[in-house]
Amino acid sequence: MENESTPKGESLSPEELQAKAAILTECENLAAAGVTFVAAHFDGYGDSGATEDVKCFDSEYYAYEEHTPVPHDAAYLQEHFDALVPFGYENDCGGFGDVVLDVGARKITVERNDRFEDYTTTTYEI
């Protein structure tokens, strides 16, 4: 398993750049409300997938389903988070991951995990 951490900032589409700017603009307001992370989880396979609603957290770190979201309405950011979900994650065996805003660091991270099929072959003579 490889952990490829590559900056994609230079290759963002105009829509992704606009989404990133809109999200980062909200950091001050989110911090004032006590929000430390904002995240949208995505999951799919077999050519279909879904992105969950954007959720806010006041935890020290973000990990999917490890913390309870706080009741802060960030639905107005949904379309911007959706724009940053990686294209094609739902194809074939699919994939899953998160688009995460670290409010204090003013940093957006996309973590994508791709599923794949594998097999092993054993041949022996009897």
C-alpha atoms as a PDB file:
ATOM      1  CA  MET A   1       0.000   0.000   0.000  1.00  0.00           C
ATOM      2  CA  GLU A   2       1.340   3.384  -0.976  1.00  0.00           C
ATOM      3  CA  ASN A   3       0.552   6.716   0.590  1.00  0.00           C
ATOM      4  CA  GLU A   4       0.750   9.195  -2.213  1.00  0.00           C
ATOM      5  CA  SER A   5       0.583  12.705  -0.837  1.00  0.00           C
ATOM      6  CA  THR A   6       0.773  14.940  -3.850  1.00  0.00           C
ATOM      7  CA  PRO A   7      -0.171  18.594  -4.015  1.00  0.00           C
ATOM      8  CA  LYS A   8      -2.825  19.117  -6.649  1.00  0.00           C
ATOM      9  CA  GLY A   9      -2.979  22.892  -6.303  1.00  0.00           C
ATOM     10  CA  GLU A  10      -1.338  23.533  -9.650  1.00  0.00           C
ATOM     11  CA  SER A  11      -3.779  21.309 -11.548  1.00  0.00           C
ATOM     12  CA  LEU A  12      -7.148  22.348 -10.106  1.00  0.00           C
ATOM     13  CA  SER A  13      -9.909  23.130 -12.572  1.00  0.00           C
ATOM     14  CA  PRO A  14     -11.524  26.581 -12.465  1.00  0.00           C
ATOM     15  CA  GLU A  15     -14.534  25.039 -10.660  1.00  0.00           C
ATOM     16  CA  GLU A  16     -12.256  23.418  -8.063  1.00  0.00           C
ATOM     17  CA  LEU A  17     -10.329  26.668  -7.554  1.00  0.00           C
ATOM     18  CA  GLN A  18     -13.588  28.541  -7.004  1.00  0.00           C
ATOM     19  CA  ALA A  19     -14.815  25.881  -4.551  1.00  0.00           C
ATOM     20  CA  LYS A  20     -11.532  25.968  -2.635  1.00  0.00           C
ATOM     21  CA  ALA A  21     -11.638  29.762  -2.353  1.00  0.00           C
ATOM     22  CA  ALA A  22     -15.280  29.729  -1.193  1.00  0.00           C
ATOM     23  CA  ILE A  23     -14.528  27.144   1.493  1.00  0.00           C
ATOM     24  CA  LEU A  24     -11.390  28.877   2.777  1.00  0.00           C
ATOM     25  CA  THR A  25     -13.269  32.192   2.975  1.00  0.00           C
ATOM     26  CA  GLU A  26     -15.495  30.659   5.661  1.00  0.00           C
ATOM     27  CA  CYS A  27     -12.656  29.621   8.012  1.00  0.00           C
ATOM     28  CA  GLU A  28     -12.951  32.675  10.250  1.00  0.00           C
ATOM     29  CA  ASN A  29     -16.726  32.235  10.692  1.00  0.00           C
ATOM     30  CA  LEU A  30     -16.348  28.497  11.338  1.00  0.00           C
ATOM     31  CA  ALA A  31     -13.587  29.067  13.907  1.00  0.00           C
ATOM     32  CA  ALA A  32     -15.725  31.677  15.687  1.00  0.00           C
ATOM     33  CA  ALA A  33     -18.469  29.018  15.967  1.00  0.00           C
ATOM     34  CA  GLY A  34     -16.005  26.560  17.559  1.00  0.00           C
ATOM     35  CA  VAL A  35     -15.706  24.340  14.473  1.00  0.00           C
ATOM     36  CA  THR A  36     -12.265  22.794  13.945  1.00  0.00           C
ATOM     37  CA  PHE A  37     -12.994  20.499  10.980  1.00  0.00           C
ATOM     38  CA  VAL A  38     -15.594  20.349   8.221  1.00  0.00           C
ATOM     39  CA  ALA A  39     -15.854  17.157   6.180  1.00  0.00           C
ATOM     40  CA  ALA A  40     -17.830  15.407   3.466  1.00  0.00           C
ATOM     41  CA  HIS A  41     -17.487  11.641   3.101  1.00  0.00           C
ATOM     42  CA  PHE A  42     -17.957   9.962  -0.284  1.00  0.00           C
ATOM     43  CA  ASP A  43     -18.401   6.283  -1.154  1.00  0.00           C
ATOM     44  CA  GLY A  44     -19.360   4.382  -4.272  1.00  0.00           C
ATOM     45  CA  TYR A  45     -18.860   1.413  -6.560  1.00  0.00           C
ATOM     46  CA  GLY A  46     -20.342  -0.138  -9.678  1.00  0.00           C
ATOM     47  CA  ASP A  47     -20.600   3.239 -11.412  1.00  0.00           C
ATOM     48  CA  SER A  48     -22.733   4.868  -8.711  1.00  0.00           C
ATOM     49  CA  GLY A  49     -21.823   6.751  -5.591  1.00  0.00           C
ATOM     50  CA  ALA A  50     -22.914   9.336  -3.090  1.00  0.00           C
ATOM     51  CA  THR A  51     -21.436  12.168  -1.108  1.00  0.00           C
ATOM     52  CA  GLU A  52     -22.743  12.581   2.420  1.00  0.00           C
ATOM     53  CA  ASP A  53     -23.869  15.929   3.799  1.00  0.00           C
ATOM     54  CA  VAL A  54     -21.135  18.264   4.992  1.00  0.00           C
ATOM     55  CA  LYS A  55     -20.604  17.879   8.757  1.00  0.00           C
ATOM     56  CA  CYS A  56     -18.808  20.062  11.283  1.00  0.00           C
ATOM     57  CA  PHE A  57     -16.641  18.854  14.158  1.00  0.00           C
ATOM     58  CA  ASP A  58     -14.955  20.387  17.196  1.00  0.00           C
ATOM     59  CA  SER A  59     -12.428  17.591  17.653  1.00  0.00           C
ATOM     60  CA  GLU A  60      -8.634  17.732  17.732  1.00  0.00           C
ATOM     61  CA  TYR A  61      -8.420  15.652  14.527  1.00  0.00           C
ATOM     62  CA  TYR A  62     -10.780  14.283  11.894  1.00  0.00           C
ATOM     63  CA  ALA A  63     -11.324  10.590  11.217  1.00  0.00           C
ATOM     64  CA  TYR A  64     -14.484   9.283   9.568  1.00  0.00           C
ATOM     65  CA  GLU A  65     -17.099   8.137  12.107  1.00  0.00           C
ATOM     66  CA  GLU A  66     -14.772   8.622  15.096  1.00  0.00           C
ATOM     67  CA  HIS A  67     -16.341  11.845  16.364  1.00  0.00           C
ATOM     68  CA  THR A  68     -19.878  13.156  16.723  1.00  0.00           C
ATOM     69  CA  PRO A  69     -20.651  16.154  14.514  1.00  0.00           C
ATOM     70  CA  VAL A  70     -21.556  19.431  16.190  1.00  0.00           C
ATOM     71  CA  PRO A  71     -24.893  21.063  15.351  1.00  0.00           C
ATOM     72  CA  HIS A  72     -23.501  23.784  13.077  1.00  0.00           C
ATOM     73  CA  ASP A  73     -25.262  24.172   9.740  1.00  0.00           C
ATOM     74  CA  ALA A  74     -22.711  24.176   6.924  1.00  0.00           C
ATOM     75  CA  ALA A  75     -25.121  23.068   4.197  1.00  0.00           C
ATOM     76  CA  TYR A  76     -24.273  26.235   2.270  1.00  0.00           C
ATOM     77  CA  LEU A  77     -20.809  24.722   1.666  1.00  0.00           C
ATOM     78  CA  GLN A  78     -22.139  21.439   0.236  1.00  0.00           C
ATOM     79  CA  GLU A  79     -21.788  22.282  -3.447  1.00  0.00           C
ATOM     80  CA  HIS A  80     -18.220  23.493  -2.875  1.00  0.00           C
ATOM     81  CA  PHE A  81     -17.231  20.268  -1.112  1.00  0.00           C
ATOM     82  CA  ASP A  82     -18.975  18.266  -3.865  1.00  0.00           C
ATOM     83  CA  ALA A  83     -16.830  20.057  -6.451  1.00  0.00           C
ATOM     84  CA  LEU A  84     -13.688  18.734  -4.730  1.00  0.00           C
ATOM     85  CA  VAL A  85     -14.772  15.077  -4.601  1.00  0.00           C
ATOM     86  CA  PRO A  86     -12.422  13.209  -6.976  1.00  0.00           C
ATOM     87  CA  PHE A  87     -13.843  12.355 -10.378  1.00  0.00           C
ATOM     88  CA  GLY A  88     -14.421   8.655 -11.057  1.00  0.00           C
ATOM     89  CA  TYR A  89     -14.117   7.375  -7.483  1.00  0.00           C
ATOM     90  CA  GLU A  90     -17.280   5.307  -8.026  1.00  0.00           C
ATOM     91  CA  ASN A  91     -16.099   3.469 -11.150  1.00  0.00           C
ATOM     92  CA  ASP A  92     -15.502  -0.274 -11.253  1.00  0.00           C
ATOM     93  CA  CYS A  93     -14.806  -1.583  -7.725  1.00  0.00           C
ATOM     94  CA  GLY A  94     -15.218   1.959  -6.500  1.00  0.00           C
ATOM     95  CA  GLY A  95     -13.663   4.009  -3.826  1.00  0.00           C
ATOM     96  CA  PHE A  96     -14.342   6.083  -0.755  1.00  0.00           C
ATOM     97  CA  GLY A  97     -12.818   8.926   1.163  1.00  0.00           C
ATOM     98  CA  ASP A  98     -13.224  12.380   2.589  1.00  0.00           C
ATOM     99  CA  VAL A  99     -12.864  16.021   1.651  1.00  0.00           C
ATOM    100  CA  VAL A 100     -11.725  17.675   4.880  1.00  0.00           C
ATOM    101  CA  LEU A 101     -11.231  21.304   5.841  1.00  0.00           C
ATOM    102  CA  ASP A 102      -8.872  21.880   8.766  1.00  0.00           C
ATOM    103  CA  VAL A 103     -10.275  25.226   9.884  1.00  0.00           C
ATOM    104  CA  GLY A 104      -7.305  26.325  12.019  1.00  0.00           C
ATOM    105  CA  ALA A 105      -4.719  25.442   9.396  1.00  0.00           C
ATOM    106  CA  ARG A 106      -6.922  26.766   6.545  1.00  0.00           C
ATOM    107  CA  LYS A 107      -6.072  23.612   4.631  1.00  0.00           C
ATOM    108  CA  ILE A 108      -8.267  21.310   2.537  1.00  0.00           C
ATOM    109  CA  THR A 109      -7.268  17.679   2.159  1.00  0.00           C
ATOM    110  CA  VAL A 110      -8.824  15.062  -0.099  1.00  0.00           C
ATOM    111  CA  GLU A 111      -8.256  11.453   0.878  1.00  0.00           C
ATOM    112  CA  ARG A 112      -9.303   8.923  -1.761  1.00  0.00           C
ATOM    113  CA  ASN A 113      -9.149   5.168  -1.226  1.00  0.00           C
ATOM    114  CA  ASP A 114      -9.609   3.019  -4.324  1.00  0.00           C
ATOM    115  CA  ARG A 115     -10.965  -0.507  -4.092  1.00  0.00           C
ATOM    116  CA  PHE A 116      -9.630  -3.217  -6.381  1.00  0.00           C
ATOM    117  CA  GLU A 117     -10.103  -6.894  -7.004  1.00  0.00           C
ATOM    118  CA  ASP A 118      -7.218  -9.269  -6.547  1.00  0.00           C
ATOM    119  CA  TYR A 119      -6.723 -12.977  -6.718  1.00  0.00           C
ATOM    120  CA  THR A 120      -4.052 -15.560  -6.084  1.00  0.00           C
ATOM    121  CA  THR A 121      -3.402 -18.715  -8.037  1.00  0.00           C
ATOM    122  CA  THR A 122      -2.085 -21.942  -6.635  1.00  0.00           C
ATOM    123  CA  THR A 123      -1.059 -24.746  -8.944  1.00  0.00           C
ATOM    124  CA  TYR A 124      -0.007 -28.135  -7.740  1.00  0.00           C
ATOM    125  CA  GLU A 125       0.286 -31.618  -9.101  1.00  0.00           C
ATOM    126  CA  ILE A 126      -1.441 -34.524  -7.390  1.00  0.00           C
END
